[in-house]
Structures are given as structure tokens and as C-alpha cells.
Amino acid sequence: MLVSEILAIKGTVLYTINPEHSLQQAVDLMTELDIGSLVVVDGGKMAGMLTFRELLAALAKAGKNWREAKVAGAMLAKPVSARPDMEVAELQRIIVEHRQRYLPVMDGDTLLGVISFHDVARAMLEEQAFENRMLKGYIKNWPEETESED
């Protein structure tokens, strides 16, 4: 399975925020949309990622003044990214090695979408279910063996 196939299953909706927005605005947006990451966009280009991990670290660092802190100070400026032609096994390795639950999918400089650990798990489950249905159908329709004449 390829990353492009996972994106096709998931869809390519992107939720974005500007680096100059406050962490309060990021929390409000992530809560409202029930999402775990935002793509930080500056001047039409991806500037980084803000996930709940970076958000929690920034909240702890900023203390009681966290509401005014800027997304730019909390975001992951250079997230590891995936390519659309990448195999899912390589994607899983990157997720584990870099401890990055959300990966932007880039085709050159173009952001195609964001894939989460959850998206990978769901795609793998769907692929397994499809393979199981195909195998069961194959076994059910197994041709009877005929004795060969020697």
C-alpha cells in the first residue's frame, strides 16, 4: 500500500493556522474541529506543524501566559514528511523512528495532505478486511480437484 492510497481513503482536507496566531486560537480551532494537528502556513507555504505534543510542551513552557504565546514559537518547524509514492512500511518506520504521529505528505514543494498514525492504522485494517473477503471468496469457490490421469 502506498501513501497516496492512504490519502485517497482519508481525503486531503487540510486544517491550517498562521504562525502569528495565538496558542489560544490554535487550541480553540483544534478543539472545535476535534483534530490533533494543524499545518502552519505562512505566505501560502507550509512553515511547520502544530500537534498536540508541541502544543502541550509550549503550554508548560509559557505558564499562565500561554494564551498570548504565538504558534510560531511552538510549531515543529521542519517536520519529517512522506512522499505519495512511499510504501506504508517505510511510512510506519518513519513514524516510529521520529515519534511523529502526523506527517505532511509532500510532492516536491506541494503539500498534498497530512497522514496520522490513526489514518495508517485505519487503512491497514481496511486493506486486511478486503484481503480476507477476497480469500474467503476464493476458498468458497475453490474448484474441485480432478484426478489426473498418468
N, C-alpha and C. Protein backbone atom coordinates (compact mmCIF):
# COMPACT_ATOMS: atom_id res chain seq x y z
N MET A 1 0.85 -1.18 0.00
CA MET A 1 0.00 0.00 0.00
C MET A 1 0.90 1.24 0.00
N LEU A 2 0.49 2.23 -0.77
CA LEU A 2 1.25 3.47 -0.90
C LEU A 2 0.62 4.59 -0.08
N VAL A 3 1.42 5.59 0.25
CA VAL A 3 0.93 6.76 0.97
C VAL A 3 -0.20 7.43 0.18
N SER A 4 -0.07 7.49 -1.13
CA SER A 4 -1.13 8.10 -1.96
C SER A 4 -2.46 7.37 -1.80
N GLU A 5 -2.42 6.06 -1.59
CA GLU A 5 -3.65 5.29 -1.38
C GLU A 5 -4.27 5.60 -0.02
N ILE A 6 -3.44 5.82 0.98
CA ILE A 6 -3.95 6.20 2.30
C ILE A 6 -4.61 7.58 2.21
N LEU A 7 -3.98 8.49 1.50
CA LEU A 7 -4.57 9.82 1.31
C LEU A 7 -5.90 9.74 0.58
N ALA A 8 -5.99 8.83 -0.39
CA ALA A 8 -7.24 8.66 -1.14
C ALA A 8 -8.36 8.18 -0.22
N ILE A 9 -8.03 7.30 0.73
CA ILE A 9 -9.02 6.80 1.68
C ILE A 9 -9.40 7.91 2.66
N LYS A 10 -8.41 8.61 3.17
CA LYS A 10 -8.59 9.63 4.19
C LYS A 10 -9.21 10.90 3.64
N GLY A 11 -8.77 11.30 2.47
CA GLY A 11 -9.15 12.61 1.93
C GLY A 11 -8.02 13.60 2.16
N THR A 12 -8.10 14.72 1.50
CA THR A 12 -6.98 15.67 1.54
C THR A 12 -7.35 17.00 2.20
N VAL A 13 -8.34 16.99 3.08
CA VAL A 13 -8.71 18.21 3.78
C VAL A 13 -7.56 18.62 4.69
N LEU A 14 -7.19 19.89 4.61
CA LEU A 14 -6.11 20.42 5.44
C LEU A 14 -6.66 21.48 6.38
N TYR A 15 -6.25 21.41 7.62
CA TYR A 15 -6.61 22.42 8.60
C TYR A 15 -5.35 23.22 8.89
N THR A 16 -5.43 24.53 8.70
CA THR A 16 -4.24 25.36 8.77
C THR A 16 -4.39 26.49 9.79
N ILE A 17 -3.24 27.04 10.15
CA ILE A 17 -3.19 28.20 11.04
C ILE A 17 -1.95 29.01 10.67
N ASN A 18 -1.99 30.28 10.94
CA ASN A 18 -0.89 31.19 10.67
C ASN A 18 0.07 31.18 11.86
N PRO A 19 1.38 31.30 11.62
CA PRO A 19 2.33 31.26 12.72
C PRO A 19 2.16 32.41 13.72
N GLU A 20 1.52 33.49 13.30
CA GLU A 20 1.34 34.63 14.20
C GLU A 20 0.08 34.53 15.05
N HIS A 21 -0.73 33.52 14.81
CA HIS A 21 -1.90 33.31 15.65
C HIS A 21 -1.45 32.86 17.04
N SER A 22 -2.32 33.06 17.99
CA SER A 22 -2.00 32.69 19.37
C SER A 22 -2.25 31.21 19.61
N LEU A 23 -1.63 30.71 20.67
CA LEU A 23 -1.89 29.32 21.05
C LEU A 23 -3.35 29.14 21.46
N GLN A 24 -3.96 30.18 22.02
CA GLN A 24 -5.38 30.11 22.35
C GLN A 24 -6.21 29.85 21.10
N GLN A 25 -5.89 30.54 20.01
CA GLN A 25 -6.61 30.33 18.75
C GLN A 25 -6.39 28.91 18.24
N ALA A 26 -5.17 28.40 18.39
CA ALA A 26 -4.87 27.02 17.96
C ALA A 26 -5.66 26.02 18.78
N VAL A 27 -5.69 26.20 20.09
CA VAL A 27 -6.44 25.29 20.97
C VAL A 27 -7.92 25.33 20.60
N ASP A 28 -8.45 26.53 20.41
CA ASP A 28 -9.87 26.67 20.06
C ASP A 28 -10.18 25.95 18.75
N LEU A 29 -9.33 26.14 17.75
CA LEU A 29 -9.55 25.52 16.44
C LEU A 29 -9.43 24.00 16.52
N MET A 30 -8.40 23.50 17.20
CA MET A 30 -8.21 22.05 17.31
C MET A 30 -9.37 21.41 18.09
N THR A 31 -9.86 22.11 19.10
CA THR A 31 -10.97 21.59 19.90
C THR A 31 -12.25 21.58 19.07
N GLU A 32 -12.51 22.70 18.40
CA GLU A 32 -13.72 22.83 17.58
C GLU A 32 -13.79 21.76 16.49
N LEU A 33 -12.64 21.51 15.84
CA LEU A 33 -12.60 20.55 14.73
C LEU A 33 -12.32 19.12 15.17
N ASP A 34 -11.99 18.94 16.46
CA ASP A 34 -11.65 17.64 17.02
C ASP A 34 -10.50 17.00 16.23
N ILE A 35 -9.40 17.75 16.14
CA ILE A 35 -8.23 17.30 15.39
C ILE A 35 -6.99 17.40 16.26
N GLY A 36 -5.96 16.67 15.88
CA GLY A 36 -4.73 16.62 16.66
C GLY A 36 -3.57 17.37 16.05
N SER A 37 -3.79 17.99 14.87
CA SER A 37 -2.69 18.72 14.25
C SER A 37 -3.23 19.82 13.35
N LEU A 38 -2.38 20.83 13.19
CA LEU A 38 -2.65 21.91 12.25
C LEU A 38 -1.40 22.13 11.41
N VAL A 39 -1.60 22.40 10.14
CA VAL A 39 -0.49 22.78 9.28
C VAL A 39 -0.31 24.28 9.46
N VAL A 40 0.90 24.68 9.78
CA VAL A 40 1.20 26.10 9.94
C VAL A 40 1.60 26.62 8.56
N VAL A 41 0.84 27.61 8.07
CA VAL A 41 1.04 28.14 6.72
C VAL A 41 1.38 29.62 6.82
N ASP A 42 2.45 29.99 6.14
CA ASP A 42 2.89 31.37 6.09
C ASP A 42 3.19 31.72 4.64
N GLY A 43 2.51 32.71 4.11
CA GLY A 43 2.72 33.12 2.73
C GLY A 43 2.38 32.04 1.73
N GLY A 44 1.39 31.23 2.03
CA GLY A 44 0.96 30.17 1.11
C GLY A 44 1.81 28.92 1.13
N LYS A 45 2.82 28.87 1.97
CA LYS A 45 3.72 27.70 2.07
C LYS A 45 3.65 27.12 3.48
N MET A 46 3.89 25.82 3.57
CA MET A 46 3.94 25.18 4.88
C MET A 46 5.18 25.67 5.63
N ALA A 47 4.95 26.22 6.82
CA ALA A 47 6.05 26.69 7.66
C ALA A 47 6.35 25.69 8.77
N GLY A 48 5.41 24.78 9.03
CA GLY A 48 5.61 23.79 10.08
C GLY A 48 4.32 23.08 10.42
N MET A 49 4.38 22.32 11.51
CA MET A 49 3.22 21.58 12.02
C MET A 49 3.05 21.91 13.49
N LEU A 50 1.81 22.01 13.90
CA LEU A 50 1.50 22.16 15.32
C LEU A 50 0.62 20.98 15.69
N THR A 51 1.13 20.13 16.55
CA THR A 51 0.35 18.98 17.02
C THR A 51 0.12 19.14 18.51
N PHE A 52 -0.72 18.29 19.06
CA PHE A 52 -0.99 18.40 20.48
C PHE A 52 0.28 18.23 21.30
N ARG A 53 1.27 17.50 20.80
CA ARG A 53 2.53 17.33 21.53
C ARG A 53 3.27 18.65 21.67
N GLU A 54 3.45 19.35 20.55
CA GLU A 54 4.12 20.66 20.60
C GLU A 54 3.30 21.66 21.41
N LEU A 55 1.99 21.58 21.27
CA LEU A 55 1.10 22.48 21.98
C LEU A 55 1.23 22.30 23.49
N LEU A 56 1.23 21.06 23.96
CA LEU A 56 1.37 20.81 25.40
C LEU A 56 2.72 21.27 25.93
N ALA A 57 3.78 21.04 25.16
CA ALA A 57 5.11 21.49 25.58
C ALA A 57 5.14 23.02 25.68
N ALA A 58 4.52 23.70 24.71
CA ALA A 58 4.50 25.16 24.71
C ALA A 58 3.67 25.69 25.87
N LEU A 59 2.57 25.03 26.18
CA LEU A 59 1.74 25.47 27.30
C LEU A 59 2.50 25.35 28.62
N ALA A 60 3.22 24.27 28.78
CA ALA A 60 4.01 24.07 30.00
C ALA A 60 5.11 25.13 30.10
N LYS A 61 5.73 25.45 28.99
CA LYS A 61 6.84 26.42 28.98
C LYS A 61 6.33 27.85 29.22
N ALA A 62 5.20 28.20 28.62
CA ALA A 62 4.69 29.56 28.72
C ALA A 62 4.02 29.86 30.05
N GLY A 63 3.59 28.82 30.74
CA GLY A 63 2.93 29.02 32.04
C GLY A 63 1.59 29.70 31.89
N LYS A 64 1.28 30.59 32.83
CA LYS A 64 -0.06 31.20 32.84
C LYS A 64 -0.29 32.19 31.70
N ASN A 65 0.75 32.57 30.99
CA ASN A 65 0.61 33.49 29.85
C ASN A 65 0.51 32.75 28.52
N TRP A 66 0.17 31.48 28.54
CA TRP A 66 0.18 30.68 27.33
C TRP A 66 -0.78 31.18 26.25
N ARG A 67 -1.87 31.80 26.65
CA ARG A 67 -2.88 32.24 25.68
C ARG A 67 -2.33 33.22 24.65
N GLU A 68 -1.36 34.03 25.05
CA GLU A 68 -0.80 35.04 24.16
C GLU A 68 0.39 34.52 23.35
N ALA A 69 0.95 33.40 23.75
CA ALA A 69 2.11 32.84 23.03
C ALA A 69 1.71 32.55 21.59
N LYS A 70 2.67 32.67 20.69
CA LYS A 70 2.41 32.51 19.25
C LYS A 70 2.66 31.07 18.79
N VAL A 71 1.93 30.68 17.78
CA VAL A 71 2.09 29.37 17.16
C VAL A 71 3.53 29.19 16.67
N ALA A 72 4.12 30.26 16.15
CA ALA A 72 5.49 30.19 15.61
C ALA A 72 6.49 29.67 16.63
N GLY A 73 6.28 30.00 17.91
CA GLY A 73 7.19 29.56 18.95
C GLY A 73 6.97 28.13 19.40
N ALA A 74 5.85 27.55 19.00
CA ALA A 74 5.50 26.20 19.45
C ALA A 74 5.59 25.15 18.35
N MET A 75 5.46 25.56 17.12
CA MET A 75 5.35 24.61 16.00
C MET A 75 6.65 23.84 15.77
N LEU A 76 6.49 22.70 15.15
CA LEU A 76 7.63 21.91 14.66
C LEU A 76 7.97 22.49 13.29
N ALA A 77 9.09 23.22 13.22
CA ALA A 77 9.42 23.98 12.01
C ALA A 77 9.80 23.11 10.83
N LYS A 78 10.43 22.00 11.07
CA LYS A 78 10.86 21.14 9.96
C LYS A 78 10.40 19.71 10.20
N PRO A 79 9.10 19.46 10.04
CA PRO A 79 8.62 18.10 10.26
C PRO A 79 9.14 17.15 9.19
N VAL A 80 9.33 15.92 9.58
CA VAL A 80 9.66 14.88 8.61
C VAL A 80 8.41 14.69 7.76
N SER A 81 8.61 14.50 6.48
CA SER A 81 7.45 14.36 5.60
C SER A 81 7.49 13.03 4.85
N ALA A 82 6.36 12.69 4.29
CA ALA A 82 6.23 11.48 3.48
C ALA A 82 6.05 11.89 2.02
N ARG A 83 6.33 10.96 1.13
CA ARG A 83 6.10 11.15 -0.30
C ARG A 83 4.89 10.31 -0.72
N PRO A 84 4.16 10.72 -1.72
CA PRO A 84 2.98 9.95 -2.14
C PRO A 84 3.33 8.55 -2.65
N ASP A 85 4.56 8.36 -3.18
CA ASP A 85 4.95 7.06 -3.72
C ASP A 85 5.63 6.17 -2.68
N MET A 86 5.64 6.60 -1.44
CA MET A 86 6.28 5.84 -0.35
C MET A 86 5.41 4.65 0.06
N GLU A 87 6.06 3.51 0.28
CA GLU A 87 5.35 2.33 0.77
C GLU A 87 4.98 2.52 2.24
N VAL A 88 3.88 1.92 2.65
CA VAL A 88 3.39 2.10 4.02
C VAL A 88 4.39 1.58 5.05
N ALA A 89 5.16 0.56 4.72
CA ALA A 89 6.16 0.04 5.67
C ALA A 89 7.21 1.10 5.98
N GLU A 90 7.64 1.84 4.96
CA GLU A 90 8.61 2.92 5.18
C GLU A 90 7.97 4.05 5.99
N LEU A 91 6.71 4.36 5.70
CA LEU A 91 5.98 5.38 6.44
C LEU A 91 5.89 5.01 7.92
N GLN A 92 5.56 3.75 8.21
CA GLN A 92 5.47 3.30 9.59
C GLN A 92 6.82 3.42 10.29
N ARG A 93 7.89 3.08 9.59
CA ARG A 93 9.23 3.17 10.17
C ARG A 93 9.55 4.62 10.53
N ILE A 94 9.23 5.53 9.64
CA ILE A 94 9.48 6.96 9.89
C ILE A 94 8.68 7.45 11.09
N ILE A 95 7.42 7.07 11.15
CA ILE A 95 6.56 7.48 12.26
C ILE A 95 7.17 7.02 13.59
N VAL A 96 7.61 5.77 13.64
CA VAL A 96 8.17 5.22 14.87
C VAL A 96 9.53 5.85 15.19
N GLU A 97 10.41 5.92 14.20
CA GLU A 97 11.76 6.46 14.44
C GLU A 97 11.75 7.91 14.88
N HIS A 98 10.87 8.70 14.29
CA HIS A 98 10.86 10.14 14.57
C HIS A 98 9.80 10.53 15.61
N ARG A 99 9.04 9.55 16.06
CA ARG A 99 8.00 9.81 17.07
C ARG A 99 7.10 10.97 16.63
N GLN A 100 6.74 10.94 15.37
CA GLN A 100 5.94 12.00 14.78
C GLN A 100 4.62 11.37 14.32
N ARG A 101 3.56 11.63 15.06
CA ARG A 101 2.27 10.99 14.78
C ARG A 101 1.55 11.56 13.57
N TYR A 102 1.96 12.74 13.13
CA TYR A 102 1.34 13.40 11.98
C TYR A 102 2.44 13.76 11.00
N LEU A 103 2.30 13.28 9.76
CA LEU A 103 3.31 13.57 8.74
C LEU A 103 2.67 14.27 7.56
N PRO A 104 3.24 15.41 7.17
CA PRO A 104 2.77 16.03 5.93
C PRO A 104 3.22 15.16 4.75
N VAL A 105 2.38 15.10 3.74
CA VAL A 105 2.72 14.38 2.51
C VAL A 105 3.05 15.43 1.47
N MET A 106 4.29 15.39 1.01
CA MET A 106 4.78 16.40 0.08
C MET A 106 5.12 15.77 -1.27
N ASP A 107 4.73 16.45 -2.32
CA ASP A 107 5.16 16.10 -3.67
C ASP A 107 6.00 17.28 -4.15
N GLY A 108 7.30 17.18 -3.93
CA GLY A 108 8.18 18.33 -4.16
C GLY A 108 7.90 19.38 -3.11
N ASP A 109 7.50 20.58 -3.55
CA ASP A 109 7.15 21.67 -2.63
C ASP A 109 5.66 21.75 -2.37
N THR A 110 4.90 20.84 -2.96
CA THR A 110 3.44 20.88 -2.84
C THR A 110 2.97 19.98 -1.71
N LEU A 111 2.21 20.56 -0.78
CA LEU A 111 1.62 19.81 0.32
C LEU A 111 0.34 19.15 -0.17
N LEU A 112 0.31 17.81 -0.12
CA LEU A 112 -0.85 17.06 -0.60
C LEU A 112 -1.85 16.74 0.51
N GLY A 113 -1.36 16.65 1.73
CA GLY A 113 -2.22 16.30 2.85
C GLY A 113 -1.37 15.96 4.05
N VAL A 114 -2.05 15.55 5.11
CA VAL A 114 -1.38 15.11 6.34
C VAL A 114 -1.91 13.74 6.68
N ILE A 115 -0.99 12.83 7.01
CA ILE A 115 -1.37 11.48 7.40
C ILE A 115 -1.02 11.29 8.87
N SER A 116 -1.97 10.76 9.60
CA SER A 116 -1.74 10.49 11.02
C SER A 116 -1.52 8.99 11.24
N PHE A 117 -1.01 8.68 12.40
CA PHE A 117 -0.84 7.29 12.82
C PHE A 117 -2.19 6.57 12.72
N HIS A 118 -3.25 7.25 13.10
CA HIS A 118 -4.60 6.69 13.04
C HIS A 118 -5.02 6.39 11.60
N ASP A 119 -4.68 7.28 10.68
CA ASP A 119 -5.01 7.06 9.26
C ASP A 119 -4.34 5.81 8.72
N VAL A 120 -3.08 5.60 9.12
CA VAL A 120 -2.33 4.42 8.69
C VAL A 120 -2.99 3.16 9.23
N ALA A 121 -3.32 3.18 10.52
CA ALA A 121 -3.96 2.01 11.14
C ALA A 121 -5.30 1.69 10.46
N ARG A 122 -6.10 2.72 10.20
CA ARG A 122 -7.40 2.50 9.57
C ARG A 122 -7.24 1.94 8.15
N ALA A 123 -6.30 2.48 7.39
CA ALA A 123 -6.06 1.99 6.03
C ALA A 123 -5.60 0.53 6.04
N MET A 124 -4.74 0.20 6.99
CA MET A 124 -4.25 -1.18 7.08
C MET A 124 -5.39 -2.13 7.44
N LEU A 125 -6.27 -1.71 8.35
CA LEU A 125 -7.43 -2.54 8.70
C LEU A 125 -8.35 -2.76 7.50
N GLU A 126 -8.58 -1.70 6.74
CA GLU A 126 -9.43 -1.81 5.56
C GLU A 126 -8.80 -2.73 4.52
N GLU A 127 -7.49 -2.63 4.35
CA GLU A 127 -6.79 -3.49 3.41
C GLU A 127 -6.88 -4.95 3.85
N GLN A 128 -6.69 -5.20 5.15
CA GLN A 128 -6.79 -6.57 5.67
C GLN A 128 -8.20 -7.12 5.48
N ALA A 129 -9.21 -6.31 5.76
CA ALA A 129 -10.60 -6.76 5.61
C ALA A 129 -10.88 -7.11 4.16
N PHE A 130 -10.38 -6.30 3.22
CA PHE A 130 -10.56 -6.58 1.80
C PHE A 130 -9.88 -7.89 1.42
N GLU A 131 -8.64 -8.07 1.86
CA GLU A 131 -7.92 -9.31 1.55
C GLU A 131 -8.63 -10.51 2.14
N ASN A 132 -9.15 -10.41 3.34
CA ASN A 132 -9.88 -11.51 3.97
C ASN A 132 -11.13 -11.87 3.17
N ARG A 133 -11.86 -10.84 2.72
CA ARG A 133 -13.06 -11.11 1.91
C ARG A 133 -12.68 -11.81 0.61
N MET A 134 -11.60 -11.36 -0.01
CA MET A 134 -11.16 -11.97 -1.27
C MET A 134 -10.74 -13.43 -1.04
N LEU A 135 -9.98 -13.69 0.02
CA LEU A 135 -9.54 -15.06 0.31
C LEU A 135 -10.72 -15.96 0.63
N LYS A 136 -11.67 -15.47 1.41
CA LYS A 136 -12.85 -16.27 1.74
C LYS A 136 -13.66 -16.58 0.49
N GLY A 137 -13.78 -15.59 -0.39
CA GLY A 137 -14.49 -15.83 -1.66
C GLY A 137 -13.76 -16.84 -2.52
N TYR A 138 -12.44 -16.77 -2.53
CA TYR A 138 -11.64 -17.70 -3.31
C TYR A 138 -11.78 -19.12 -2.76
N ILE A 139 -11.70 -19.25 -1.45
CA ILE A 139 -11.81 -20.58 -0.82
C ILE A 139 -13.21 -21.15 -1.04
N LYS A 140 -14.22 -20.32 -0.91
CA LYS A 140 -15.60 -20.77 -1.09
C LYS A 140 -15.82 -21.29 -2.50
N ASN A 141 -15.18 -20.68 -3.47
CA ASN A 141 -15.35 -21.06 -4.87
C ASN A 141 -14.20 -21.92 -5.39
N TRP A 142 -13.51 -22.56 -4.47
CA TRP A 142 -12.36 -23.40 -4.84
C TRP A 142 -12.82 -24.50 -5.80
N PRO A 143 -12.15 -24.67 -6.92
CA PRO A 143 -12.57 -25.71 -7.86
C PRO A 143 -12.29 -27.10 -7.28
N GLU A 144 -13.19 -27.99 -7.61
CA GLU A 144 -12.99 -29.37 -7.15
C GLU A 144 -11.79 -29.97 -7.85
N GLU A 145 -11.08 -30.78 -7.10
CA GLU A 145 -9.90 -31.41 -7.69
C GLU A 145 -10.35 -32.57 -8.58
N THR A 146 -9.69 -32.67 -9.66
CA THR A 146 -9.96 -33.81 -10.55
C THR A 146 -8.73 -34.70 -10.51
N GLU A 147 -8.99 -35.97 -10.61
CA GLU A 147 -7.86 -36.91 -10.60
C GLU A 147 -7.17 -36.84 -11.94
N SER A 148 -5.89 -36.69 -11.87
CA SER A 148 -5.13 -36.64 -13.12
C SER A 148 -4.85 -38.04 -13.61
N GLU A 149 -4.86 -38.15 -14.89
CA GLU A 149 -4.57 -39.46 -15.47
C GLU A 149 -3.09 -39.50 -15.80
N ASP A 150 -2.41 -40.48 -15.29
CA ASP A 150 -0.96 -40.65 -15.55
C ASP A 150 -0.72 -41.47 -16.75
